[in-house]
Amino acid sequence: MNSKTNLLLIVLTFLGVFIASCGADGDASASRSTPATTETTDPKPQSDAPADPMQDKGVGPVKDLTLPAEIDQAMAAEGEKIYKEKCTACHKPTKKYIGPAPKGIFERRHPAWVMNMILNPEGMVKENEQAKKLLMEFNGTPMANQGLTEEQARKVLEYFRTL
């Protein structure tokens, strides 16, 4: 394998790690009825991260994110394309693989945490306790940074809601 392939495998593995962290099935995101918003600021360590994974927003550019009740099907379709291109080497939608499955992720993690894991996997593993636990669960294989924009990551997130 070349270094590009190795990097891709690492990124995808780490994405999977955060997605399947608790092993729950299903997706509770449809019950959330607040508008989608992202707020970006400089990433900083989250030393006082909440013990509850659903309150932990992670470390990175996304400080908060709420999902609307309705799934944006067009956005989800674009997210599925991105997921298939960037993530399927390490992630399967509904089962554990090299990394965790994204199905049911919003029953286990805050949407901002998921976005930060996609956008800032290195910082998350370095500074976020939940990400560190996932790294250990998946044998120390970190997720590689795929260099997605916030807009692309949000589309992938919308795709996850359809699983």
C-alpha atoms as a PDB file:
ATOM      1  CA  MET A   1       0.000   0.000   0.000  1.00  0.00           C
ATOM      2  CA  ASN A   2       1.147   3.510  -0.652  1.00  0.00           C
ATOM      3  CA  SER A   3       1.135   6.302   1.904  1.00  0.00           C
ATOM      4  CA  LYS A   4      -2.028   7.862   0.459  1.00  0.00           C
ATOM      5  CA  THR A   5      -3.911   4.589   0.931  1.00  0.00           C
ATOM      6  CA  ASN A   6      -2.552   4.249   4.451  1.00  0.00           C
ATOM      7  CA  LEU A   7      -3.673   7.772   5.290  1.00  0.00           C
ATOM      8  CA  LEU A   8      -7.126   7.077   3.891  1.00  0.00           C
ATOM      9  CA  LEU A   9      -7.409   3.908   5.961  1.00  0.00           C
ATOM     10  CA  ILE A  10      -6.382   5.745   9.100  1.00  0.00           C
ATOM     11  CA  VAL A  11      -8.896   8.560   8.563  1.00  0.00           C
ATOM     12  CA  LEU A  12     -11.715   6.192   7.801  1.00  0.00           C
ATOM     13  CA  THR A  13     -10.857   3.969  10.726  1.00  0.00           C
ATOM     14  CA  PHE A  14     -11.008   6.851  13.116  1.00  0.00           C
ATOM     15  CA  LEU A  15     -14.342   8.037  11.706  1.00  0.00           C
ATOM     16  CA  GLY A  16     -15.685   4.586  12.321  1.00  0.00           C
ATOM     17  CA  VAL A  17     -14.291   4.539  15.822  1.00  0.00           C
ATOM     18  CA  PHE A  18     -16.282   7.551  16.918  1.00  0.00           C
ATOM     19  CA  ILE A  19     -19.433   6.435  15.158  1.00  0.00           C
ATOM     20  CA  ALA A  20     -19.788   3.008  16.758  1.00  0.00           C
ATOM     21  CA  SER A  21     -18.496   4.013  20.143  1.00  0.00           C
ATOM     22  CA  CYS A  22     -21.376   2.741  22.223  1.00  0.00           C
ATOM     23  CA  GLY A  23     -22.718   0.042  19.916  1.00  0.00           C
ATOM     24  CA  ALA A  24     -26.376   1.152  20.051  1.00  0.00           C
ATOM     25  CA  ASP A  25     -28.693   0.533  17.097  1.00  0.00           C
ATOM     26  CA  GLY A  26     -31.158   3.010  15.637  1.00  0.00           C
ATOM     27  CA  ASP A  27     -31.098   6.777  15.267  1.00  0.00           C
ATOM     28  CA  ALA A  28     -32.816   9.182  17.634  1.00  0.00           C
ATOM     29  CA  SER A  29     -32.033  12.244  15.552  1.00  0.00           C
ATOM     30  CA  ALA A  30     -35.525  12.425  14.082  1.00  0.00           C
ATOM     31  CA  SER A  31     -36.856  13.404  17.505  1.00  0.00           C
ATOM     32  CA  ARG A  32     -34.715  16.530  17.644  1.00  0.00           C
ATOM     33  CA  SER A  33     -36.609  19.550  16.456  1.00  0.00           C
ATOM     34  CA  THR A  34     -34.250  22.474  16.612  1.00  0.00           C
ATOM     35  CA  PRO A  35     -32.812  24.319  13.613  1.00  0.00           C
ATOM     36  CA  ALA A  36     -29.390  23.391  12.279  1.00  0.00           C
ATOM     37  CA  THR A  37     -26.644  25.795  13.265  1.00  0.00           C
ATOM     38  CA  THR A  38     -22.907  25.666  13.411  1.00  0.00           C
ATOM     39  CA  GLU A  39     -20.680  28.112  15.133  1.00  0.00           C
ATOM     40  CA  THR A  40     -16.989  28.168  14.384  1.00  0.00           C
ATOM     41  CA  THR A  41     -14.248  29.559  16.533  1.00  0.00           C
ATOM     42  CA  ASP A  42     -10.658  28.653  17.223  1.00  0.00           C
ATOM     43  CA  PRO A  43     -10.337  25.052  18.437  1.00  0.00           C
ATOM     44  CA  LYS A  44      -9.257  24.757  22.040  1.00  0.00           C
ATOM     45  CA  PRO A  45      -8.868  21.916  24.527  1.00  0.00           C
ATOM     46  CA  GLN A  46     -11.974  20.742  26.319  1.00  0.00           C
ATOM     47  CA  SER A  47     -10.485  19.797  29.650  1.00  0.00           C
ATOM     48  CA  ASP A  48     -13.828  19.987  31.433  1.00  0.00           C
ATOM     49  CA  ALA A  49     -15.672  17.727  28.984  1.00  0.00           C
ATOM     50  CA  PRO A  50     -18.983  16.392  30.320  1.00  0.00           C
ATOM     51  CA  ALA A  51     -19.092  12.783  31.449  1.00  0.00           C
ATOM     52  CA  ASP A  52     -22.340  12.303  29.469  1.00  0.00           C
ATOM     53  CA  PRO A  53     -21.388  11.566  25.832  1.00  0.00           C
ATOM     54  CA  MET A  54     -24.609  13.225  24.661  1.00  0.00           C
ATOM     55  CA  GLN A  55     -23.476  16.522  26.222  1.00  0.00           C
ATOM     56  CA  ASP A  56     -19.872  16.302  25.006  1.00  0.00           C
ATOM     57  CA  LYS A  57     -19.419  18.483  21.905  1.00  0.00           C
ATOM     58  CA  GLY A  58     -15.802  17.556  21.364  1.00  0.00           C
ATOM     59  CA  VAL A  59     -12.806  19.636  20.389  1.00  0.00           C
ATOM     60  CA  GLY A  60     -12.711  21.492  17.110  1.00  0.00           C
ATOM     61  CA  PRO A  61     -14.344  24.149  15.000  1.00  0.00           C
ATOM     62  CA  VAL A  62     -17.981  23.225  15.727  1.00  0.00           C
ATOM     63  CA  LYS A  63     -19.050  24.541  19.116  1.00  0.00           C
ATOM     64  CA  ASP A  64     -22.714  23.578  18.855  1.00  0.00           C
ATOM     65  CA  LEU A  65     -25.027  21.922  16.368  1.00  0.00           C
ATOM     66  CA  THR A  66     -28.695  21.127  16.555  1.00  0.00           C
ATOM     67  CA  LEU A  67     -30.427  19.137  13.871  1.00  0.00           C
ATOM     68  CA  PRO A  68     -33.840  19.978  12.433  1.00  0.00           C
ATOM     69  CA  ALA A  69     -36.667  17.463  12.797  1.00  0.00           C
ATOM     70  CA  GLU A  70     -36.869  16.914   9.056  1.00  0.00           C
ATOM     71  CA  ILE A  71     -34.044  15.240   7.178  1.00  0.00           C
ATOM     72  CA  ASP A  72     -32.860  17.204   4.145  1.00  0.00           C
ATOM     73  CA  GLN A  73     -32.922  14.430   1.553  1.00  0.00           C
ATOM     74  CA  ALA A  74     -30.893  16.362  -1.043  1.00  0.00           C
ATOM     75  CA  MET A  75     -28.191  17.103   1.530  1.00  0.00           C
ATOM     76  CA  ALA A  76     -28.255  13.472   2.695  1.00  0.00           C
ATOM     77  CA  ALA A  77     -27.818  12.249  -0.894  1.00  0.00           C
ATOM     78  CA  GLU A  78     -24.751  14.469  -1.308  1.00  0.00           C
ATOM     79  CA  GLY A  79     -23.476  13.247   2.051  1.00  0.00           C
ATOM     80  CA  GLU A  80     -23.886   9.648   0.968  1.00  0.00           C
ATOM     81  CA  LYS A  81     -21.697  10.320  -2.084  1.00  0.00           C
ATOM     82  CA  ILE A  82     -19.016  11.891   0.093  1.00  0.00           C
ATOM     83  CA  TYR A  83     -19.264   9.003   2.582  1.00  0.00           C
ATOM     84  CA  LYS A  84     -18.904   6.411  -0.184  1.00  0.00           C
ATOM     85  CA  GLU A  85     -15.895   8.232  -1.636  1.00  0.00           C
ATOM     86  CA  LYS A  86     -14.047   9.023   1.594  1.00  0.00           C
ATOM     87  CA  CYS A  87     -15.240   6.672   4.334  1.00  0.00           C
ATOM     88  CA  THR A  88     -16.188   3.199   3.102  1.00  0.00           C
ATOM     89  CA  ALA A  89     -12.646   1.845   3.184  1.00  0.00           C
ATOM     90  CA  CYS A  90     -13.009   1.724   6.973  1.00  0.00           C
ATOM     91  CA  HIS A  91     -16.727   2.101   7.699  1.00  0.00           C
ATOM     92  CA  LYS A  92     -19.822   0.123   6.846  1.00  0.00           C
ATOM     93  CA  PRO A  93     -23.115   1.978   7.391  1.00  0.00           C
ATOM     94  CA  THR A  94     -24.713  -0.572   9.710  1.00  0.00           C
ATOM     95  CA  LYS A  95     -21.917  -2.726  11.120  1.00  0.00           C
ATOM     96  CA  LYS A  96     -18.549  -2.488  12.799  1.00  0.00           C
ATOM     97  CA  TYR A  97     -15.656  -2.827  10.389  1.00  0.00           C
ATOM     98  CA  ILE A  98     -12.211  -1.268  10.680  1.00  0.00           C
ATOM     99  CA  GLY A  99     -14.060   1.616  12.293  1.00  0.00           C
ATOM    100  CA  PRO A 100     -17.509   1.898  13.851  1.00  0.00           C
ATOM    101  CA  ALA A 101     -20.787   2.024  11.936  1.00  0.00           C
ATOM    102  CA  PRO A 102     -22.527   5.397  11.698  1.00  0.00           C
ATOM    103  CA  LYS A 103     -25.985   3.890  12.210  1.00  0.00           C
ATOM    104  CA  GLY A 104     -27.428   5.169  15.489  1.00  0.00           C
ATOM    105  CA  ILE A 105     -24.599   7.619  16.138  1.00  0.00           C
ATOM    106  CA  PHE A 106     -26.941  10.356  17.345  1.00  0.00           C
ATOM    107  CA  GLU A 107     -28.174   8.089  20.123  1.00  0.00           C
ATOM    108  CA  ARG A 108     -24.580   7.932  21.358  1.00  0.00           C
ATOM    109  CA  ARG A 109     -23.022  11.284  20.501  1.00  0.00           C
ATOM    110  CA  HIS A 110     -23.900  14.941  20.219  1.00  0.00           C
ATOM    111  CA  PRO A 111     -24.017  16.107  16.565  1.00  0.00           C
ATOM    112  CA  ALA A 112     -21.276  18.693  17.251  1.00  0.00           C
ATOM    113  CA  TRP A 113     -19.045  15.892  18.566  1.00  0.00           C
ATOM    114  CA  VAL A 114     -19.558  13.920  15.349  1.00  0.00           C
ATOM    115  CA  MET A 115     -18.735  16.981  13.243  1.00  0.00           C
ATOM    116  CA  ASN A 116     -15.596  17.656  15.266  1.00  0.00           C
ATOM    117  CA  MET A 117     -14.517  14.034  14.935  1.00  0.00           C
ATOM    118  CA  ILE A 118     -14.815  14.300  11.161  1.00  0.00           C
ATOM    119  CA  LEU A 119     -13.143  17.704  10.959  1.00  0.00           C
ATOM    120  CA  ASN A 120     -10.529  17.416  13.725  1.00  0.00           C
ATOM    121  CA  PRO A 121      -9.743  13.735  14.400  1.00  0.00           C
ATOM    122  CA  GLU A 122      -6.201  14.448  15.557  1.00  0.00           C
ATOM    123  CA  GLY A 123      -7.301  17.043  18.116  1.00  0.00           C
ATOM    124  CA  MET A 124     -10.179  14.896  19.291  1.00  0.00           C
ATOM    125  CA  VAL A 125      -7.953  11.902  20.012  1.00  0.00           C
ATOM    126  CA  LYS A 126      -5.439  14.119  21.737  1.00  0.00           C
ATOM    127  CA  GLU A 127      -7.879  16.077  23.917  1.00  0.00           C
ATOM    128  CA  ASN A 128     -11.297  14.374  24.100  1.00  0.00           C
ATOM    129  CA  GLU A 129     -11.879  11.503  26.513  1.00  0.00           C
ATOM    130  CA  GLN A 130     -14.602   9.825  24.428  1.00  0.00           C
ATOM    131  CA  ALA A 131     -12.403   9.908  21.325  1.00  0.00           C
ATOM    132  CA  LYS A 132      -9.524   8.433  23.330  1.00  0.00           C
ATOM    133  CA  LYS A 133     -11.780   5.579  24.463  1.00  0.00           C
ATOM    134  CA  LEU A 134     -12.790   4.873  20.880  1.00  0.00           C
ATOM    135  CA  LEU A 135      -9.184   4.837  19.781  1.00  0.00           C
ATOM    136  CA  MET A 136      -8.488   2.135  22.357  1.00  0.00           C
ATOM    137  CA  GLU A 137     -11.653   0.201  21.427  1.00  0.00           C
ATOM    138  CA  PHE A 138     -10.449   0.035  17.835  1.00  0.00           C
ATOM    139  CA  ASN A 139      -6.948  -1.147  18.700  1.00  0.00           C
ATOM    140  CA  GLY A 140      -5.267   2.243  18.540  1.00  0.00           C
ATOM    141  CA  THR A 141      -6.117   2.807  14.888  1.00  0.00           C
ATOM    142  CA  PRO A 142      -6.772   6.542  14.534  1.00  0.00           C
ATOM    143  CA  MET A 143      -9.133   8.060  12.014  1.00  0.00           C
ATOM    144  CA  ALA A 144      -7.369   9.896   9.218  1.00  0.00           C
ATOM    145  CA  ASN A 145      -8.317  13.476   8.491  1.00  0.00           C
ATOM    146  CA  GLN A 146     -10.039  13.501   5.092  1.00  0.00           C
ATOM    147  CA  GLY A 147      -9.799  17.283   4.800  1.00  0.00           C
ATOM    148  CA  LEU A 148     -13.551  17.789   4.519  1.00  0.00           C
ATOM    149  CA  THR A 149     -15.034  21.260   4.792  1.00  0.00           C
ATOM    150  CA  GLU A 150     -17.693  21.947   7.426  1.00  0.00           C
ATOM    151  CA  GLU A 151     -20.284  21.923   4.651  1.00  0.00           C
ATOM    152  CA  GLN A 152     -19.159  18.486   3.445  1.00  0.00           C
ATOM    153  CA  ALA A 153     -19.044  17.114   6.985  1.00  0.00           C
ATOM    154  CA  ARG A 154     -22.563  18.440   7.620  1.00  0.00           C
ATOM    155  CA  LYS A 155     -23.778  16.616   4.489  1.00  0.00           C
ATOM    156  CA  VAL A 156     -22.220  13.389   5.741  1.00  0.00           C
ATOM    157  CA  LEU A 157     -23.941  13.989   9.081  1.00  0.00           C
ATOM    158  CA  GLU A 158     -27.272  14.368   7.287  1.00  0.00           C
ATOM    159  CA  TYR A 159     -26.637  11.067   5.506  1.00  0.00           C
ATOM    160  CA  PHE A 160     -26.011   9.405   8.884  1.00  0.00           C
ATOM    161  CA  ARG A 161     -29.514  10.491   9.923  1.00  0.00           C
ATOM    162  CA  THR A 162     -30.997   8.359   7.121  1.00  0.00           C
ATOM    163  CA  LEU A 163     -29.401   5.117   8.309  1.00  0.00           C
END
